[in-house]
C-alpha atoms as a PDB file:
ATOM      1  CA  MET A   1     -10.597   1.738   1.838  1.00  0.00           C
ATOM      2  CA  LYS A   2     -10.152   0.749  -1.799  1.00  0.00           C
ATOM      3  CA  LEU A   3     -11.114   3.153  -4.592  1.00  0.00           C
ATOM      4  CA  ALA A   4     -11.083   2.860  -8.374  1.00  0.00           C
ATOM      5  CA  PHE A   5     -10.846   5.946 -10.590  1.00  0.00           C
ATOM      6  CA  ALA A   6     -12.341   5.638 -14.058  1.00  0.00           C
ATOM      7  CA  GLY A   7     -13.401   7.748 -17.033  1.00  0.00           C
ATOM      8  CA  LYS A   8     -12.399   8.503 -20.572  1.00  0.00           C
ATOM      9  CA  GLY A   9      -8.849   9.624 -21.333  1.00  0.00           C
ATOM     10  CA  GLY A  10      -7.715  13.153 -20.513  1.00  0.00           C
ATOM     11  CA  VAL A  11     -10.409  14.014 -17.983  1.00  0.00           C
ATOM     12  CA  GLY A  12      -8.154  14.262 -14.912  1.00  0.00           C
ATOM     13  CA  LYS A  13      -8.607  10.903 -13.181  1.00  0.00           C
ATOM     14  CA  THR A  14      -4.839  10.434 -12.788  1.00  0.00           C
ATOM     15  CA  THR A  15      -4.498  13.923 -11.299  1.00  0.00           C
ATOM     16  CA  LEU A  16      -7.274  13.221  -8.813  1.00  0.00           C
ATOM     17  CA  THR A  17      -5.780   9.827  -7.899  1.00  0.00           C
ATOM     18  CA  ALA A  18      -2.393  11.446  -7.165  1.00  0.00           C
ATOM     19  CA  TRP A  19      -4.016  14.180  -5.059  1.00  0.00           C
ATOM     20  CA  VAL A  20      -5.988  11.693  -2.971  1.00  0.00           C
ATOM     21  CA  ALA A  21      -2.864   9.615  -2.309  1.00  0.00           C
ATOM     22  CA  ASP A  22      -0.789  12.628  -1.274  1.00  0.00           C
ATOM     23  CA  TYR A  23      -3.553  13.941   0.987  1.00  0.00           C
ATOM     24  CA  LEU A  24      -3.957  10.588   2.711  1.00  0.00           C
ATOM     25  CA  ALA A  25      -0.215  10.101   3.226  1.00  0.00           C
ATOM     26  CA  ALA A  26       0.079  13.602   4.708  1.00  0.00           C
ATOM     27  CA  GLN A  27      -2.605  12.544   7.206  1.00  0.00           C
ATOM     28  CA  GLY A  28      -0.561   9.485   8.200  1.00  0.00           C
ATOM     29  CA  SER A  29      -2.187   6.758   6.068  1.00  0.00           C
ATOM     30  CA  ASP A  30      -0.258   4.175   4.050  1.00  0.00           C
ATOM     31  CA  VAL A  31      -1.373   4.139   0.425  1.00  0.00           C
ATOM     32  CA  TRP A  32      -0.883   1.755  -2.479  1.00  0.00           C
ATOM     33  CA  LEU A  33      -1.067   3.470  -5.861  1.00  0.00           C
ATOM     34  CA  VAL A  34      -1.911   1.092  -8.700  1.00  0.00           C
ATOM     35  CA  ASP A  35      -1.363   2.338 -12.240  1.00  0.00           C
ATOM     36  CA  ALA A  36      -3.598   0.166 -14.420  1.00  0.00           C
ATOM     37  CA  ASP A  37      -3.693   2.631 -17.322  1.00  0.00           C
ATOM     38  CA  THR A  38      -1.614   2.066 -20.462  1.00  0.00           C
ATOM     39  CA  ALA A  39      -0.660   5.755 -20.379  1.00  0.00           C
ATOM     40  CA  LEU A  40       1.503   4.904 -17.323  1.00  0.00           C
ATOM     41  CA  SER A  41       1.408   8.492 -16.063  1.00  0.00           C
ATOM     42  CA  LEU A  42       0.451   8.035 -12.403  1.00  0.00           C
ATOM     43  CA  GLY A  43       4.060   7.775 -11.219  1.00  0.00           C
ATOM     44  CA  GLN A  44       5.163  11.004 -12.857  1.00  0.00           C
ATOM     45  CA  ALA A  45       1.948  12.739 -11.779  1.00  0.00           C
ATOM     46  CA  SER A  46       2.865  11.714  -8.221  1.00  0.00           C
ATOM     47  CA  GLY A  47       6.345  13.229  -8.449  1.00  0.00           C
ATOM     48  CA  LEU A  48       8.548  10.370  -9.681  1.00  0.00           C
ATOM     49  CA  SER A  49      10.968  10.773 -12.561  1.00  0.00           C
ATOM     50  CA  ARG A  50      10.467   8.522 -15.587  1.00  0.00           C
ATOM     51  CA  GLU A  51      13.706   6.715 -14.675  1.00  0.00           C
ATOM     52  CA  ALA A  52      12.384   5.878 -11.204  1.00  0.00           C
ATOM     53  CA  LEU A  53       9.246   4.123 -12.441  1.00  0.00           C
ATOM     54  CA  PRO A  54       9.052   0.362 -11.895  1.00  0.00           C
ATOM     55  CA  ALA A  55       8.765  -1.958 -14.869  1.00  0.00           C
ATOM     56  CA  PRO A  56       5.107  -2.738 -15.662  1.00  0.00           C
ATOM     57  CA  LEU A  57       4.119  -6.089 -14.219  1.00  0.00           C
ATOM     58  CA  ILE A  58       2.732  -7.060 -17.620  1.00  0.00           C
ATOM     59  CA  LYS A  59       6.325  -7.084 -18.943  1.00  0.00           C
ATOM     60  CA  ARG A  60       7.769  -9.209 -16.147  1.00  0.00           C
ATOM     61  CA  ASP A  61       7.902 -12.469 -18.094  1.00  0.00           C
ATOM     62  CA  ASP A  62      10.006 -14.009 -15.327  1.00  0.00           C
ATOM     63  CA  LEU A  63       7.290 -13.468 -12.719  1.00  0.00           C
ATOM     64  CA  ILE A  64       4.526 -14.503 -15.079  1.00  0.00           C
ATOM     65  CA  ARG A  65       6.261 -17.821 -15.800  1.00  0.00           C
ATOM     66  CA  GLU A  66       7.137 -18.347 -12.130  1.00  0.00           C
ATOM     67  CA  ARG A  67       3.659 -17.656 -10.697  1.00  0.00           C
ATOM     68  CA  ILE A  68       1.299 -18.562 -13.541  1.00  0.00           C
ATOM     69  CA  GLY A  69       3.291 -21.011 -15.679  1.00  0.00           C
ATOM     70  CA  SER A  70       2.476 -21.816 -19.300  1.00  0.00           C
ATOM     71  CA  GLY A  71       0.298 -24.425 -20.908  1.00  0.00           C
ATOM     72  CA  MET A  72      -1.534 -25.644 -17.790  1.00  0.00           C
ATOM     73  CA  LEU A  73      -2.009 -22.292 -16.053  1.00  0.00           C
ATOM     74  CA  HIS A  74      -2.092 -21.742 -12.308  1.00  0.00           C
ATOM     75  CA  LEU A  75      -4.923 -19.214 -12.051  1.00  0.00           C
ATOM     76  CA  ASN A  76      -4.782 -18.735  -8.268  1.00  0.00           C
ATOM     77  CA  PRO A  77      -1.100 -18.031  -7.614  1.00  0.00           C
ATOM     78  CA  ASP A  78       0.394 -16.869  -4.318  1.00  0.00           C
ATOM     79  CA  VAL A  79       1.258 -13.217  -4.897  1.00  0.00           C
ATOM     80  CA  SER A  80       1.266 -12.039  -1.275  1.00  0.00           C
ATOM     81  CA  ASP A  81       4.967 -11.124  -1.478  1.00  0.00           C
ATOM     82  CA  LEU A  82       4.837  -9.368  -4.827  1.00  0.00           C
ATOM     83  CA  PRO A  83       3.492  -5.891  -3.965  1.00  0.00           C
ATOM     84  CA  GLU A  84       6.520  -5.090  -1.786  1.00  0.00           C
ATOM     85  CA  SER A  85       9.026  -6.569  -4.241  1.00  0.00           C
ATOM     86  CA  VAL A  86       7.779  -4.937  -7.457  1.00  0.00           C
ATOM     87  CA  SER A  87       6.702  -1.526  -6.117  1.00  0.00           C
ATOM     88  CA  VAL A  88       8.646   1.691  -5.604  1.00  0.00           C
ATOM     89  CA  GLU A  89       8.376   4.317  -2.897  1.00  0.00           C
ATOM     90  CA  VAL A  90       6.727   7.592  -3.899  1.00  0.00           C
ATOM     91  CA  PRO A  91       7.812  10.800  -2.133  1.00  0.00           C
ATOM     92  CA  LEU A  92       5.303  12.915  -0.241  1.00  0.00           C
ATOM     93  CA  GLY A  93       4.506  16.033  -2.236  1.00  0.00           C
ATOM     94  CA  ARG A  94       4.074  18.291   0.791  1.00  0.00           C
ATOM     95  CA  SER A  95       4.745  18.459   4.513  1.00  0.00           C
ATOM     96  CA  SER A  96       2.750  16.079   6.656  1.00  0.00           C
ATOM     97  CA  CYS A  97       0.214  17.427   9.122  1.00  0.00           C
ATOM     98  CA  GLU A  98       1.664  18.792  12.354  1.00  0.00           C
ATOM     99  CA  GLY A  99       2.400  16.031  14.843  1.00  0.00           C
ATOM    100  CA  VAL A 100       1.580  13.292  12.321  1.00  0.00           C
ATOM    101  CA  LYS A 101       4.034  10.714  11.024  1.00  0.00           C
ATOM    102  CA  PRO A 102       3.543  10.669   7.243  1.00  0.00           C
ATOM    103  CA  GLY A 103       2.256   7.503   5.670  1.00  0.00           C
ATOM    104  CA  ARG A 104       3.999   5.595   2.894  1.00  0.00           C
ATOM    105  CA  LYS A 105       3.034   5.889  -0.733  1.00  0.00           C
ATOM    106  CA  ARG A 106       3.998   2.945  -2.935  1.00  0.00           C
ATOM    107  CA  LEU A 107       3.446   2.592  -6.654  1.00  0.00           C
ATOM    108  CA  LEU A 108       2.700  -0.553  -8.619  1.00  0.00           C
ATOM    109  CA  VAL A 109       2.568  -0.332 -12.401  1.00  0.00           C
ATOM    110  CA  MET A 110       0.335  -3.019 -13.814  1.00  0.00           C
ATOM    111  CA  GLY A 111       0.268  -2.278 -17.529  1.00  0.00           C
ATOM    112  CA  SER A 112      -2.546  -3.637 -19.671  1.00  0.00           C
ATOM    113  CA  VAL A 113      -3.151  -6.900 -21.467  1.00  0.00           C
ATOM    114  CA  SER A 114      -3.715  -4.865 -24.616  1.00  0.00           C
ATOM    115  CA  GLY A 115      -0.020  -3.974 -24.524  1.00  0.00           C
ATOM    116  CA  ALA A 116       1.247  -7.506 -24.040  1.00  0.00           C
ATOM    117  CA  GLY A 117       1.924  -8.123 -27.728  1.00  0.00           C
ATOM    118  CA  GLY A 118       0.352 -10.571 -30.128  1.00  0.00           C
ATOM    119  CA  GLY A 119      -1.180 -13.859 -29.142  1.00  0.00           C
ATOM    120  CA  CYS A 120      -2.888 -14.892 -25.943  1.00  0.00           C
ATOM    121  CA  ALA A 121      -2.311 -12.748 -22.872  1.00  0.00           C
ATOM    122  CA  CYS A 122      -4.058 -15.163 -20.479  1.00  0.00           C
ATOM    123  CA  GLU A 123      -0.983 -15.652 -18.272  1.00  0.00           C
ATOM    124  CA  ALA A 124      -0.301 -11.929 -17.896  1.00  0.00           C
ATOM    125  CA  ASN A 125      -3.958 -11.159 -17.282  1.00  0.00           C
ATOM    126  CA  ALA A 126      -4.157 -13.846 -14.585  1.00  0.00           C
ATOM    127  CA  LEU A 127      -1.182 -12.328 -12.751  1.00  0.00           C
ATOM    128  CA  LEU A 128      -2.634  -8.816 -12.924  1.00  0.00           C
ATOM    129  CA  LYS A 129      -5.963 -10.012 -11.550  1.00  0.00           C
ATOM    130  CA  ALA A 130      -4.298 -11.984  -8.759  1.00  0.00           C
ATOM    131  CA  MET A 131      -2.195  -8.964  -7.750  1.00  0.00           C
ATOM    132  CA  LEU A 132      -5.172  -6.621  -7.697  1.00  0.00           C
ATOM    133  CA  ALA A 133      -7.231  -9.139  -5.732  1.00  0.00           C
ATOM    134  CA  ASN A 134      -4.464  -9.413  -3.119  1.00  0.00           C
ATOM    135  CA  LEU A 135      -4.276  -5.648  -2.667  1.00  0.00           C
ATOM    136  CA  ILE A 136      -8.012  -5.038  -2.695  1.00  0.00           C
ATOM    137  CA  ILE A 137      -9.266  -8.009  -0.685  1.00  0.00           C
ATOM    138  CA  GLU A 138      -6.400  -9.136   1.537  1.00  0.00           C
ATOM    139  CA  ARG A 139      -4.810  -5.885   2.708  1.00  0.00           C
ATOM    140  CA  ASN A 140      -6.068  -3.410   5.265  1.00  0.00           C
ATOM    141  CA  GLU A 141      -4.556  -0.323   3.654  1.00  0.00           C
ATOM    142  CA  TRP A 142      -5.708   2.369   1.277  1.00  0.00           C
ATOM    143  CA  VAL A 143      -5.559   1.213  -2.341  1.00  0.00           C
ATOM    144  CA  LEU A 144      -6.163   3.648  -5.208  1.00  0.00           C
ATOM    145  CA  VAL A 145      -6.460   2.159  -8.696  1.00  0.00           C
ATOM    146  CA  ASP A 146      -6.086   4.441 -11.722  1.00  0.00           C
ATOM    147  CA  LEU A 147      -7.933   2.492 -14.413  1.00  0.00           C
ATOM    148  CA  GLU A 148      -7.522   2.273 -18.143  1.00  0.00           C
ATOM    149  CA  ALA A 149      -9.369   5.029 -19.996  1.00  0.00           C
ATOM    150  CA  GLY A 150     -12.866   3.827 -20.793  1.00  0.00           C
ATOM    151  CA  VAL A 151     -14.440   0.710 -19.309  1.00  0.00           C
ATOM    152  CA  GLU A 152     -11.977  -2.110 -20.095  1.00  0.00           C
ATOM    153  CA  HIS A 153     -11.095  -3.129 -16.528  1.00  0.00           C
ATOM    154  CA  LEU A 154     -14.673  -2.782 -15.358  1.00  0.00           C
ATOM    155  CA  GLY A 155     -15.829  -4.941 -18.253  1.00  0.00           C
ATOM    156  CA  ARG A 156     -13.412  -7.678 -17.177  1.00  0.00           C
ATOM    157  CA  GLY A 157     -14.456  -7.381 -13.530  1.00  0.00           C
ATOM    158  CA  THR A 158     -10.914  -6.696 -12.349  1.00  0.00           C
ATOM    159  CA  VAL A 159     -11.924  -4.202  -9.647  1.00  0.00           C
ATOM    160  CA  ALA A 160     -15.233  -5.711  -8.609  1.00  0.00           C
ATOM    161  CA  SER A 161     -14.285  -5.701  -4.912  1.00  0.00           C
ATOM    162  CA  VAL A 162     -13.346  -2.043  -4.408  1.00  0.00           C
ATOM    163  CA  ASP A 163     -15.292   0.009  -1.861  1.00  0.00           C
ATOM    164  CA  GLY A 164     -16.056   2.927  -4.140  1.00  0.00           C
ATOM    165  CA  LEU A 165     -15.949   4.025  -7.768  1.00  0.00           C
ATOM    166  CA  VAL A 166     -14.872   7.560  -8.638  1.00  0.00           C
ATOM    167  CA  VAL A 167     -16.093   8.412 -12.134  1.00  0.00           C
ATOM    168  CA  VAL A 168     -14.229  11.404 -13.567  1.00  0.00           C
ATOM    169  CA  SER A 169     -15.455  13.405 -16.536  1.00  0.00           C
ATOM    170  CA  GLU A 170     -14.969  16.692 -18.310  1.00  0.00           C
ATOM    171  CA  PRO A 171     -17.958  18.988 -18.911  1.00  0.00           C
ATOM    172  CA  SER A 172     -18.780  17.562 -22.352  1.00  0.00           C
ATOM    173  CA  ARG A 173     -21.462  15.251 -23.669  1.00  0.00           C
ATOM    174  CA  ARG A 174     -18.875  12.679 -24.812  1.00  0.00           C
ATOM    175  CA  GLY A 175     -17.257  12.652 -21.412  1.00  0.00           C
ATOM    176  CA  LEU A 176     -20.584  12.331 -19.606  1.00  0.00           C
ATOM    177  CA  ASP A 177     -21.767   9.548 -21.920  1.00  0.00           C
ATOM    178  CA  THR A 178     -18.589   7.585 -21.117  1.00  0.00           C
ATOM    179  CA  ALA A 179     -19.054   8.368 -17.428  1.00  0.00           C
ATOM    180  CA  ALA A 180     -22.606   6.999 -17.578  1.00  0.00           C
ATOM    181  CA  GLU A 181     -21.381   3.802 -19.239  1.00  0.00           C
ATOM    182  CA  VAL A 182     -18.674   3.387 -16.587  1.00  0.00           C
ATOM    183  CA  ALA A 183     -21.195   3.941 -13.796  1.00  0.00           C
ATOM    184  CA  LYS A 184     -23.648   1.459 -15.326  1.00  0.00           C
ATOM    185  CA  LEU A 185     -21.014  -1.267 -15.612  1.00  0.00           C
ATOM    186  CA  GLY A 186     -19.886  -0.523 -12.085  1.00  0.00           C
ATOM    187  CA  ARG A 187     -23.388  -1.063 -10.735  1.00  0.00           C
ATOM    188  CA  GLU A 188     -23.642  -4.348 -12.619  1.00  0.00           C
ATOM    189  CA  LEU A 189     -20.501  -5.430 -10.733  1.00  0.00           C
ATOM    190  CA  GLY A 190     -22.036  -4.417  -7.422  1.00  0.00           C
ATOM    191  CA  LEU A 191     -20.193  -1.091  -7.092  1.00  0.00           C
ATOM    192  CA  ILE A 192     -23.069   0.907  -5.678  1.00  0.00           C
ATOM    193  CA  LYS A 193     -21.029   3.595  -3.908  1.00  0.00           C
ATOM    194  CA  GLN A 194     -20.189   5.990  -6.760  1.00  0.00           C
ATOM    195  CA  VAL A 195     -19.304   9.655  -7.126  1.00  0.00           C
ATOM    196  CA  LEU A 196     -19.086  11.675 -10.338  1.00  0.00           C
ATOM    197  CA  VAL A 197     -16.308  14.281 -10.352  1.00  0.00           C
ATOM    198  CA  LEU A 198     -16.647  16.894 -13.082  1.00  0.00           C
ATOM    199  CA  ASN A 199     -13.197  18.318 -13.800  1.00  0.00           C
ATOM    200  CA  ARG A 200     -12.461  21.836 -14.982  1.00  0.00           C
ATOM    201  CA  ALA A 201     -16.033  22.850 -14.223  1.00  0.00           C
ATOM    202  CA  GLU A 202     -17.904  25.170 -11.914  1.00  0.00           C
ATOM    203  CA  GLU A 203     -21.112  24.102 -10.201  1.00  0.00           C
ATOM    204  CA  GLY A 204     -24.118  24.057 -12.491  1.00  0.00           C
ATOM    205  CA  GLU A 205     -26.857  21.963 -14.058  1.00  0.00           C
ATOM    206  CA  LEU A 206     -25.950  18.797 -15.960  1.00  0.00           C
ATOM    207  CA  PRO A 207     -27.959  17.263 -18.789  1.00  0.00           C
ATOM    208  CA  TYR A 208     -30.056  14.341 -17.642  1.00  0.00           C
ATOM    209  CA  ILE A 209     -28.309  11.048 -18.418  1.00  0.00           C
ATOM    210  CA  GLU A 210     -29.981   8.172 -16.637  1.00  0.00           C
ATOM    211  CA  ALA A 211     -26.951   6.090 -15.582  1.00  0.00           C
ATOM    212  CA  LEU A 212     -24.797   8.900 -14.141  1.00  0.00           C
ATOM    213  CA  PRO A 213     -23.937   8.631 -10.416  1.00  0.00           C
ATOM    214  CA  GLU A 214     -26.359  10.528  -8.200  1.00  0.00           C
ATOM    215  CA  ARG A 215     -23.611  12.386  -6.315  1.00  0.00           C
ATOM    216  CA  THR A 216     -21.683  14.993  -8.297  1.00  0.00           C
ATOM    217  CA  LEU A 217     -18.647  17.038  -7.239  1.00  0.00           C
ATOM    218  CA  PHE A 218     -17.231  19.891  -9.278  1.00  0.00           C
ATOM    219  CA  MET A 219     -13.468  20.322  -9.627  1.00  0.00           C
ATOM    220  CA  PRO A 220     -12.572  23.841 -10.841  1.00  0.00           C
ATOM    221  CA  GLU A 221      -9.460  24.417 -12.896  1.00  0.00           C
ATOM    222  CA  LEU A 222      -6.451  25.322 -10.749  1.00  0.00           C
ATOM    223  CA  ALA A 223      -4.405  28.163 -12.220  1.00  0.00           C
ATOM    224  CA  GLU A 224      -1.166  27.009 -10.574  1.00  0.00           C
ATOM    225  CA  LEU A 225      -1.529  23.507 -11.979  1.00  0.00           C
ATOM    226  CA  LYS A 226      -2.384  24.789 -15.448  1.00  0.00           C
ATOM    227  CA  ASP A 227       0.677  27.072 -15.466  1.00  0.00           C
ATOM    228  CA  ARG A 228       3.164  24.319 -14.599  1.00  0.00           C
ATOM    229  CA  GLN A 229       1.921  21.412 -16.713  1.00  0.00           C
ATOM    230  CA  LEU A 230       4.097  22.144 -19.751  1.00  0.00           C
ATOM    231  CA  SER A 231       7.254  22.151 -17.614  1.00  0.00           C
ATOM    232  CA  ASP A 232       6.487  19.637 -14.866  1.00  0.00           C
ATOM    233  CA  PRO A 233       4.477  16.385 -15.153  1.00  0.00           C
ATOM    234  CA  SER A 234       3.911  16.268 -11.380  1.00  0.00           C
ATOM    235  CA  VAL A 235       0.539  17.421 -10.061  1.00  0.00           C
ATOM    236  CA  VAL A 236       1.558  17.276  -6.377  1.00  0.00           C
ATOM    237  CA  GLY A 237       3.743  19.710  -4.465  1.00  0.00           C
ATOM    238  CA  LEU A 238       1.597  22.717  -5.297  1.00  0.00           C
ATOM    239  CA  VAL A 239       2.557  25.909  -3.475  1.00  0.00           C
ATOM    240  CA  ASP A 240      -1.094  26.269  -2.476  1.00  0.00           C
ATOM    241  CA  HIS A 241      -2.844  22.928  -2.089  1.00  0.00           C
ATOM    242  CA  THR A 242      -5.875  24.389  -0.315  1.00  0.00           C
ATOM    243  CA  GLN A 243      -8.180  23.857  -3.278  1.00  0.00           C
ATOM    244  CA  SER A 244      -6.934  20.378  -4.108  1.00  0.00           C
ATOM    245  CA  ASP A 245      -7.269  19.350  -0.459  1.00  0.00           C
ATOM    246  CA  LYS A 246     -10.828  20.684  -0.391  1.00  0.00           C
ATOM    247  CA  ILE A 247     -11.673  18.628  -3.482  1.00  0.00           C
ATOM    248  CA  VAL A 248     -10.195  15.473  -1.941  1.00  0.00           C
ATOM    249  CA  ASN A 249     -11.880  16.057   1.403  1.00  0.00           C
ATOM    250  CA  ASN A 250     -15.260  16.546  -0.285  1.00  0.00           C
ATOM    251  CA  LEU A 251     -14.724  13.373  -2.301  1.00  0.00           C
ATOM    252  CA  LEU A 252     -13.903  11.294   0.774  1.00  0.00           C
ATOM    253  CA  LYS A 253     -16.939  12.676   2.589  1.00  0.00           C
ATOM    254  CA  ALA A 254     -19.149  11.815  -0.391  1.00  0.00           C
ATOM    255  CA  LEU A 255     -17.810   8.253  -0.239  1.00  0.00           C
ATOM    256  CA  GLY A 256     -18.573   8.081   3.468  1.00  0.00           C
ATOM    257  CA  ARG A 257     -15.016   8.293   4.715  1.00  0.00           C
ATOM    258  CA  GLN A 258     -13.187  11.113   6.500  1.00  0.00           C
ATOM    259  CA  VAL A 259      -9.473  11.266   7.283  1.00  0.00           C
END
């Protein structure tokens, strides 16, 4: 299954992406983590040190020239070998389930065309799209894409082939307005299977905003996570991951998939 996580910045989409990946790997599934956010925080949220992060693909001029070229661009390059060669292994943040061989977690850092410097970023953008298409369409593994804050990737159609869209918001009108815009664009791309996750919120009534996803999950603030965030960027490896596992399990059920 392929899932994209979207929403405005600071609402917890990276945290949720890291939790889903760790939960799945503990259940024995292999997972590709794709950091497509310019904040580049998914690796550290998943337990990697800053030094262990791979170079963003957007900055790999050697690969861009080799696969895309310049001038007359090759817009359908063969990238089938690239995920393994440009990714890094991500450690499991907890023990795997009893009797289950843990799955692999691998991280790819895409970067964003907005960070490619001045001038045309057509070559870099073509490589990013080709890589995402290979992971999402060609591979029979879990793929979790942490998108740029806002709607940039959805607007460009980069993740049009994912199986589900997880729209993350905080309990604020600005957050919900962005969430509605994300959901609307997703539907225009054919992403009908959507879930709204309201972070740092208890169950309650939401204001009516027409484009919001019909299914809503509430993600309460976790005291243990709040206490450690100033000293540790990782959101996995919690002493008590009961609540985070419940959130992930409810999300997967809402998307029609159980692990």
